[in-house]
Protein backbone atom coordinates (compact mmCIF):
# COMPACT_ATOMS: atom_id res chain seq x y z
CA MET A 1 -37.19 -13.59 5.65
CA ILE A 2 -38.91 -10.99 2.94
CA ASN A 3 -36.89 -7.70 3.29
CA LYS A 4 -39.38 -4.70 4.11
CA LYS A 5 -37.36 -1.85 3.48
CA THR A 6 -36.38 -3.66 -0.32
CA THR A 7 -40.14 -4.97 -0.77
CA PRO A 8 -43.00 -3.48 -1.93
CA ILE A 9 -45.93 -2.89 0.49
CA LEU A 10 -48.33 -4.99 -2.21
CA SER A 11 -48.26 -6.66 -5.01
CA ILE A 12 -51.58 -6.68 -6.93
CA ALA A 13 -51.29 -10.05 -8.98
CA ILE A 14 -54.26 -10.78 -11.41
CA PRO A 15 -54.73 -14.54 -12.97
CA THR A 16 -55.81 -14.14 -15.97
CA PHE A 17 -57.18 -16.31 -19.06
CA ASN A 18 -58.95 -14.79 -22.71
CA ARG A 19 -60.32 -11.86 -20.72
CA SER A 20 -58.32 -9.38 -22.37
CA TYR A 21 -61.66 -6.66 -22.89
CA PHE A 22 -61.99 -6.61 -18.96
CA LEU A 23 -57.59 -7.02 -18.09
CA LYS A 24 -57.52 -3.64 -20.11
CA LEU A 25 -60.35 -2.23 -17.60
CA ASN A 26 -58.48 -3.49 -15.00
CA LEU A 27 -55.83 -2.02 -15.71
CA GLY A 28 -56.92 1.00 -16.65
CA GLN A 29 -58.43 1.64 -13.34
CA LEU A 30 -55.19 0.45 -11.68
CA LYS A 31 -53.04 3.35 -13.93
CA ASN A 32 -55.32 5.42 -12.12
CA GLU A 33 -54.67 4.12 -8.67
CA ILE A 34 -50.77 3.77 -8.80
CA LYS A 35 -50.69 6.46 -9.39
CA SER A 36 -51.48 8.54 -5.98
CA CYS A 37 -49.16 5.06 -4.02
CA PRO A 38 -45.78 6.49 -3.40
CA TYR A 39 -42.88 4.98 -5.91
CA GLY A 40 -41.61 1.00 -5.39
CA THR A 41 -44.64 0.56 -2.91
CA ILE A 42 -46.45 -1.63 -4.89
CA GLU A 43 -45.76 -4.39 -7.36
CA LEU A 44 -48.03 -5.60 -10.49
CA LEU A 45 -48.13 -8.53 -11.78
CA VAL A 46 -50.44 -10.33 -14.51
CA SER A 47 -49.85 -13.78 -15.08
CA ASP A 48 -51.66 -15.59 -18.25
CA ASN A 49 -52.54 -18.73 -18.80
CA ALA A 50 -52.20 -18.99 -22.07
CA SER A 51 -54.52 -17.17 -23.87
CA GLU A 52 -55.04 -16.83 -27.68
CA ASP A 53 -56.83 -13.53 -27.70
CA ASP A 54 -55.05 -10.25 -27.31
CA THR A 55 -53.64 -10.20 -23.54
CA GLN A 56 -50.38 -9.82 -24.58
CA PHE A 57 -51.50 -6.85 -26.13
CA THR A 58 -52.87 -5.18 -23.87
CA VAL A 59 -50.35 -6.09 -20.93
CA GLU A 60 -47.84 -4.56 -23.51
CA TYR A 61 -49.74 -1.53 -24.49
CA PHE A 62 -49.81 -0.39 -20.57
CA GLN A 63 -46.33 -1.67 -20.14
CA ASN A 64 -45.52 1.09 -23.36
CA SER A 65 -47.48 3.53 -21.27
CA GLY A 66 -44.92 3.59 -17.92
CA MET A 67 -46.53 0.78 -15.86
CA SER A 68 -44.30 -1.40 -14.48
CA ILE A 69 -45.76 -5.23 -15.25
CA ASN A 70 -44.33 -8.31 -14.64
CA TYR A 71 -45.69 -9.83 -16.97
CA ILE A 72 -45.38 -14.51 -17.22
CA LYS A 73 -47.43 -15.99 -20.00
CA ASN A 74 -47.58 -20.10 -19.00
CA ASP A 75 -46.60 -21.99 -22.41
CA GLU A 76 -49.91 -24.30 -21.57
CA ASN A 77 -52.62 -23.69 -20.03
CA ILE A 78 -51.90 -25.38 -16.08
CA GLY A 79 -55.49 -24.20 -15.03
CA SER A 80 -57.16 -21.55 -13.19
CA ASP A 81 -56.10 -23.35 -9.82
CA ALA A 82 -52.52 -23.85 -10.74
CA ASN A 83 -52.46 -19.89 -12.21
CA ILE A 84 -53.93 -18.66 -9.04
CA ALA A 85 -51.47 -19.96 -7.40
CA GLN A 86 -48.40 -18.83 -9.18
CA CYS A 87 -49.40 -15.68 -9.16
CA PHE A 88 -49.23 -15.97 -4.73
CA ASN A 89 -46.16 -17.91 -4.86
CA MET A 90 -44.56 -15.06 -8.01
CA ALA A 91 -45.10 -12.03 -5.81
CA LYS A 92 -42.38 -10.21 -4.31
CA GLY A 93 -44.84 -8.45 -1.87
CA GLN A 94 -45.18 -8.12 2.06
CA TYR A 95 -48.43 -8.23 0.46
CA VAL A 96 -50.98 -9.94 -1.70
CA LEU A 97 -53.85 -9.52 -3.43
CA ILE A 98 -55.22 -11.78 -6.03
CA LEU A 99 -57.09 -9.42 -8.19
CA GLY A 100 -59.54 -11.40 -10.60
CA ASP A 101 -59.17 -9.74 -14.08
CA ASP A 102 -62.59 -8.71 -14.54
CA ASP A 103 -62.88 -7.19 -10.64
CA LEU A 104 -61.43 -3.06 -9.80
CA LEU A 105 -60.58 -2.09 -7.03
CA VAL A 106 -63.02 1.81 -6.94
CA ASP A 107 -61.39 5.43 -7.30
CA GLY A 108 -59.64 6.29 -3.88
CA ALA A 109 -59.73 2.24 -2.24
CA LEU A 110 -55.30 1.28 -3.12
CA VAL A 111 -53.99 4.61 -1.52
CA SER A 112 -56.33 4.30 1.54
CA ILE A 113 -55.28 -0.20 1.51
CA VAL A 114 -51.51 1.25 1.23
CA LYS A 115 -52.12 3.43 4.70
CA HIS A 116 -53.86 0.51 6.66
CA LEU A 117 -50.94 -1.99 5.48
CA LYS A 118 -48.00 0.31 6.00
CA ASN A 119 -46.25 -0.76 9.04
CA GLN A 120 -48.58 -3.56 10.52
CA GLN A 121 -48.43 -7.08 10.99
CA TYR A 122 -51.64 -8.34 9.67
CA GLY A 123 -52.75 -12.31 8.65
CA VAL A 124 -55.90 -10.44 6.46
CA VAL A 125 -57.02 -7.44 5.22
CA PHE A 126 -60.66 -8.39 4.08
CA LEU A 127 -62.08 -5.75 1.34
CA LYS A 128 -65.51 -5.59 0.98
CA SER A 129 -66.72 -5.84 -2.81
CA TYR A 130 -70.17 -5.36 -4.46
CA GLY A 131 -71.83 -6.25 -8.06
CA TYR A 132 -71.69 -4.78 -11.02
CA ASP A 133 -73.25 -5.33 -14.35
CA ASN A 134 -71.98 -1.77 -17.28
CA ASP A 135 -70.53 1.36 -14.25
CA PHE A 136 -68.92 0.61 -11.34
CA ARG A 137 -69.27 3.89 -10.52
CA LYS A 138 -72.26 4.86 -10.64
CA GLU A 139 -73.57 1.31 -9.45
CA SER A 140 -71.99 2.00 -6.34
CA PRO A 141 -74.08 1.03 -2.80
CA GLU A 142 -71.63 3.66 -1.41
CA LYS A 143 -70.43 7.25 -2.27
CA LEU A 144 -68.51 7.86 0.74
CA GLY A 145 -67.73 6.62 3.73
CA GLY A 146 -67.57 2.99 5.50
CA GLY A 147 -65.11 2.44 8.08
CA TYR A 148 -62.60 -0.41 9.37
CA LYS A 149 -62.19 -2.67 12.60
CA VAL A 150 -59.60 -4.80 13.67
CA TYR A 151 -59.74 -8.22 15.22
CA ASN A 152 -58.07 -9.86 17.42
CA ASP A 153 -60.04 -13.39 17.82
CA SER A 154 -59.53 -14.88 14.26
CA ASP A 155 -62.56 -16.67 14.45
CA LYS A 156 -64.71 -14.10 15.25
CA PHE A 157 -62.29 -12.78 12.27
CA LEU A 158 -63.61 -15.78 9.97
CA GLU A 159 -66.93 -15.71 11.38
CA LYS A 160 -67.58 -11.50 10.50
CA VAL A 161 -65.82 -12.80 6.05
CA ALA A 162 -67.52 -16.06 6.46
CA HIS A 163 -68.12 -16.86 2.57
CA TYR A 164 -66.42 -14.11 0.76
CA ILE A 165 -63.18 -15.57 1.70
CA THR A 166 -63.86 -17.58 -1.58
CA LEU A 167 -63.20 -14.11 -2.99
CA ILE A 168 -59.47 -13.76 -4.83
CA SER A 169 -60.45 -10.29 -4.64
CA GLY A 170 -61.87 -10.04 -1.30
CA CYS A 171 -58.24 -11.13 0.60
CA ILE A 172 -54.80 -9.73 0.95
CA LEU A 173 -52.84 -12.21 1.98
CA ASN A 174 -49.30 -11.48 4.36
CA LYS A 175 -47.42 -13.08 2.26
CA GLU A 176 -44.50 -13.18 5.28
CA VAL A 177 -46.04 -15.62 7.53
CA LEU A 178 -46.96 -17.56 4.79
CA GLU A 179 -43.02 -17.47 2.85
CA ASN A 180 -43.25 -21.41 3.42
CA ILE A 181 -46.59 -22.59 1.99
CA ASN A 182 -46.24 -23.38 -1.95
CA ALA A 183 -49.62 -22.66 -2.70
CA THR A 184 -50.04 -24.81 -5.56
CA GLN A 185 -50.99 -28.50 -2.39
CA PHE A 186 -53.85 -26.09 -2.21
CA CYS A 187 -54.51 -27.32 -5.86
CA GLY A 188 -57.53 -29.22 -6.86
CA SER A 189 -60.74 -27.41 -5.10
CA ASN A 190 -60.78 -24.66 -7.14
CA LEU A 191 -60.57 -22.36 -3.53
CA VAL A 192 -56.43 -22.21 -3.36
CA GLN A 193 -57.09 -18.63 -2.08
CA VAL A 194 -59.23 -19.78 1.12
CA ASP A 195 -56.21 -22.18 2.44
CA LEU A 196 -54.25 -19.72 1.76
CA ALA A 197 -56.69 -16.99 4.10
CA LEU A 198 -56.95 -19.62 6.64
CA SER A 199 -53.71 -19.88 7.09
CA ALA A 200 -52.74 -16.78 7.19
CA ALA A 201 -55.94 -15.44 9.36
CA LEU A 202 -55.10 -18.29 12.18
CA ARG A 203 -50.98 -18.23 12.31
CA VAL A 204 -50.82 -14.07 12.68
CA ARG A 205 -54.84 -13.82 14.59
CA LYS A 206 -54.52 -10.05 14.08
CA ASN A 207 -56.54 -9.28 11.39
CA LEU A 208 -58.45 -6.66 9.47
CA PHE A 209 -62.03 -5.98 7.76
CA ILE A 210 -62.58 -2.70 6.11
CA SER A 211 -66.01 -2.04 5.00
CA SER A 212 -66.44 0.80 2.88
CA TYR A 213 -66.55 -0.90 -0.76
CA SER A 214 -63.05 -0.99 -1.68
CA VAL A 215 -64.10 -3.76 -4.85
CA ALA A 216 -66.20 -3.72 -7.36
CA CYS A 217 -66.78 -7.66 -8.88
CA LYS A 218 -68.41 -7.88 -13.05
CA ARG A 219 -71.29 -9.61 -12.03
CA ASN A 220 -72.70 -12.74 -13.60
CA ASN A 221 -68.84 -13.38 -15.30
CA SER A 222 -67.62 -16.78 -13.84
CA GLY A 223 -68.30 -19.92 -14.28
CA GLY A 224 -66.75 -23.61 -14.99
CA TYR A 225 -67.36 -25.41 -11.55
CA ASP A 226 -69.67 -26.94 -10.26
CA PHE A 227 -71.37 -24.91 -7.46
CA THR A 228 -72.46 -27.04 -5.30
CA SER A 229 -69.17 -29.53 -5.49
CA VAL A 230 -67.35 -26.06 -4.66
CA PHE A 231 -68.88 -24.43 -2.16
CA VAL A 232 -71.13 -27.34 0.04
CA VAL A 233 -68.14 -29.83 -0.38
CA ASN A 234 -65.00 -28.24 -1.35
CA PHE A 235 -65.50 -25.31 1.04
CA PHE A 236 -66.53 -26.64 3.88
CA ASN A 237 -64.32 -29.27 3.66
CA ILE A 238 -61.28 -27.27 3.92
CA LEU A 239 -62.98 -25.25 6.86
CA ASP A 240 -62.67 -28.48 8.79
CA SER A 241 -58.60 -29.10 8.10
CA TYR A 242 -58.57 -26.47 9.60
CA LYS A 243 -60.07 -27.58 12.89
CA THR A 244 -56.52 -28.69 14.19
CA LYS A 245 -55.10 -25.89 13.32
CA GLY A 246 -56.82 -23.46 15.42
CA LEU A 247 -60.20 -22.82 13.72
CA GLY A 248 -63.26 -23.55 16.36
CA VAL A 249 -66.22 -25.67 15.64
CA SER A 250 -67.83 -23.42 17.01
CA ALA A 251 -66.86 -20.71 14.33
CA ILE A 252 -67.34 -23.32 11.54
CA ASN A 253 -70.94 -23.90 12.76
CA ASN A 254 -71.47 -19.63 12.28
CA ILE A 255 -70.55 -20.06 9.21
CA GLU A 256 -72.68 -22.49 8.26
CA ASN A 257 -75.73 -20.63 10.05
CA TYR A 258 -74.83 -17.79 7.86
CA MET A 259 -74.54 -18.97 4.53
CA ILE A 260 -77.37 -20.66 4.31
CA ILE A 261 -79.66 -17.69 5.59
CA SER A 262 -77.68 -15.77 3.50
CA PHE A 263 -75.82 -16.82 0.57
CA PHE A 264 -77.10 -19.98 -0.53
CA PRO A 265 -80.49 -19.43 -1.18
CA TYR A 266 -79.65 -16.69 -4.06
CA TYR A 267 -78.34 -19.03 -6.03
CA LEU A 268 -80.05 -21.64 -5.30
CA LEU A 269 -83.34 -19.42 -6.19
CA LYS A 270 -81.09 -18.47 -9.55
CA HIS A 271 -80.69 -22.50 -10.22
CA ARG A 272 -84.30 -22.95 -10.12
CA ARG A 273 -85.75 -19.58 -12.33
CA ASN A 274 -83.59 -20.60 -14.82
CA SER A 275 -83.65 -24.37 -15.08
CA ASN A 276 -87.05 -26.68 -14.61
CA LYS A 277 -84.68 -29.67 -13.50
CA SER A 278 -85.15 -31.66 -10.41
CA MET A 279 -83.15 -30.57 -8.17
CA ARG A 280 -82.61 -33.59 -5.31
CA ASN A 281 -78.95 -34.68 -5.84
CA GLU A 282 -78.03 -30.89 -4.84
CA PHE A 283 -80.66 -32.02 -1.99
CA ASN A 284 -78.76 -34.76 -1.19
CA ILE A 285 -75.04 -32.93 -1.06
CA PHE A 286 -77.28 -29.68 0.70
CA ASN A 287 -79.06 -32.32 3.71
CA GLU A 288 -75.34 -34.40 3.86
CA ARG A 289 -73.49 -31.05 5.20
CA PHE A 290 -76.62 -29.55 6.89
CA GLY A 291 -79.36 -31.82 7.78
CA ASN A 292 -79.88 -31.52 11.29
CA LYS A 293 -80.06 -27.94 11.39
CA LEU A 294 -83.44 -26.18 11.62
CA LEU A 295 -82.58 -23.25 9.64
CA PHE A 296 -81.98 -25.50 6.51
CA LYS A 297 -84.75 -27.10 6.85
CA ILE A 298 -86.67 -23.50 6.69
CA TYR A 299 -84.63 -21.71 4.45
CA LEU A 300 -82.66 -24.25 1.51
CA MET A 301 -85.25 -27.07 1.64
CA PRO A 302 -88.12 -25.42 0.25
CA ILE A 303 -86.49 -24.04 -2.65
CA LEU A 304 -84.73 -27.57 -3.04
CA LEU A 305 -87.62 -29.64 -3.12
CA TRP A 306 -90.32 -27.95 -3.38
CA PRO A 307 -92.36 -27.22 -6.79
CA ARG A 308 -91.02 -24.33 -9.09
CA PHE A 309 -93.44 -21.80 -9.03
CA MET A 310 -93.21 -22.28 -5.08
CA ALA A 311 -89.98 -23.02 -4.30
CA ILE A 312 -89.47 -19.51 -6.67
CA ALA A 313 -91.69 -17.62 -4.49
CA TRP A 314 -90.42 -19.84 -1.31
CA GLY A 315 -86.85 -18.44 -2.44
CA TRP A 316 -87.99 -14.55 -3.52
CA LEU A 317 -88.84 -14.13 0.41
CA ALA A 318 -85.95 -15.99 1.81
CA VAL A 319 -83.30 -13.92 -0.10
CA LEU A 320 -85.68 -10.75 1.34
CA ILE A 321 -85.24 -11.60 4.90
CA GLY A 322 -81.31 -12.99 4.01
CA ARG A 323 -80.42 -8.87 2.60
CA ILE A 324 -82.07 -8.18 5.73
CA TYR A 325 -80.23 -10.35 8.29
CA LYS A 326 -76.62 -8.97 6.79
CA GLY A 327 -77.66 -5.71 7.06
CA ASP A 328 -78.62 -4.59 3.16
CA PHE A 329 -82.50 -4.06 3.19
CA TYR A 330 -82.35 -1.72 0.64
CA ARG A 331 -81.16 -4.01 -1.81
CA GLY A 332 -82.82 -7.04 -0.65
CA VAL A 333 -86.31 -4.94 -1.89
CA LYS A 334 -84.41 -3.82 -4.70
CA PHE A 335 -84.50 -7.10 -5.42
CA LEU A 336 -87.69 -8.61 -4.22
CA THR A 337 -88.68 -5.98 -6.29
CA GLU A 338 -87.20 -6.74 -9.87
CA LYS A 339 -87.90 -10.38 -9.57
CA SER A 340 -91.43 -10.77 -8.54
CA ARG A 341 -91.95 -7.87 -11.61
CA SER A 342 -89.77 -9.64 -14.20
CA CYS A 343 -91.45 -13.52 -13.49
CA LEU A 344 -95.02 -11.42 -13.45
CA PHE A 345 -94.44 -10.48 -16.72
CA GLU A 346 -91.78 -12.70 -18.26
CA ASN A 347 -93.47 -15.32 -20.80
CA LYS A 348 -91.32 -17.78 -20.85
CA VAL A 349 -91.27 -19.06 -17.53
CA LYS A 350 -92.62 -22.20 -16.95
CA PHE A 351 -94.28 -24.07 -13.68
């Protein structure tokens, strides 16, 4: 059992591999944020997956500047899944945030998070995120405001979070209720964090959704996995496996619908714009999971199967509808405007 009198409230554990530039930005922002928190509140851990760049020098630089960092350097690259699992297993705090090395906690987020966590027993605390290209402060969707909501129904909470549960930087996990879990058992799906979050959310059933933007994520800075396999096959296989552990069938169905409208169109559109290849194989995978849904036939089939020009045109509209559906009309209009202008004036587009 965790001794709350002697352990940090929150462990921030950062898995990293050969991205010292982003790690430097991350640690620099955390250094500013931690100053606002009471001493001993935060544990900071970096799990280095045998980096060959100057990651170790970067960590030592911040250690020498006064930051307390528990630095672990693996003798060999154990893979991203295992490194994420190691972050969770090694963390000593009551709660754990596995923070992507290229993600940033925005100004003021950490002190607000600690206030929410203090003397509370949540399964999962969800942090809202946004993407940025160059300057996370200037590109923030909101400067001030936002709020939070406590969910006492795990299904409703998970429906609200939906696919964002896959973002490691978006979920703070209650390690106390997961003490008997070795996270390495979830390796192999590229979604270790999803199993951990589902387990915590269903065990406690009191979860917190913080609706103000707390995390800035570097855009177009991840890869190395097959999107369709991970987010259609692996993700929903994990959800299905929790039916016997309290996750309702209706909750899974609602998550499917939400993702069809507001998540998948953007990534399928991106693929069609960047490639002339057929998406028949991807269609078969999507169709196996969602083929009985009218929403799938309306929103995704045209992007997957129509001729490229028509698929891209429909994709723009589908993304706009999805952004409006999830309450982000301004960003949806901005997306449609920017992408339509790009297509009209880009000479390299082939129809």
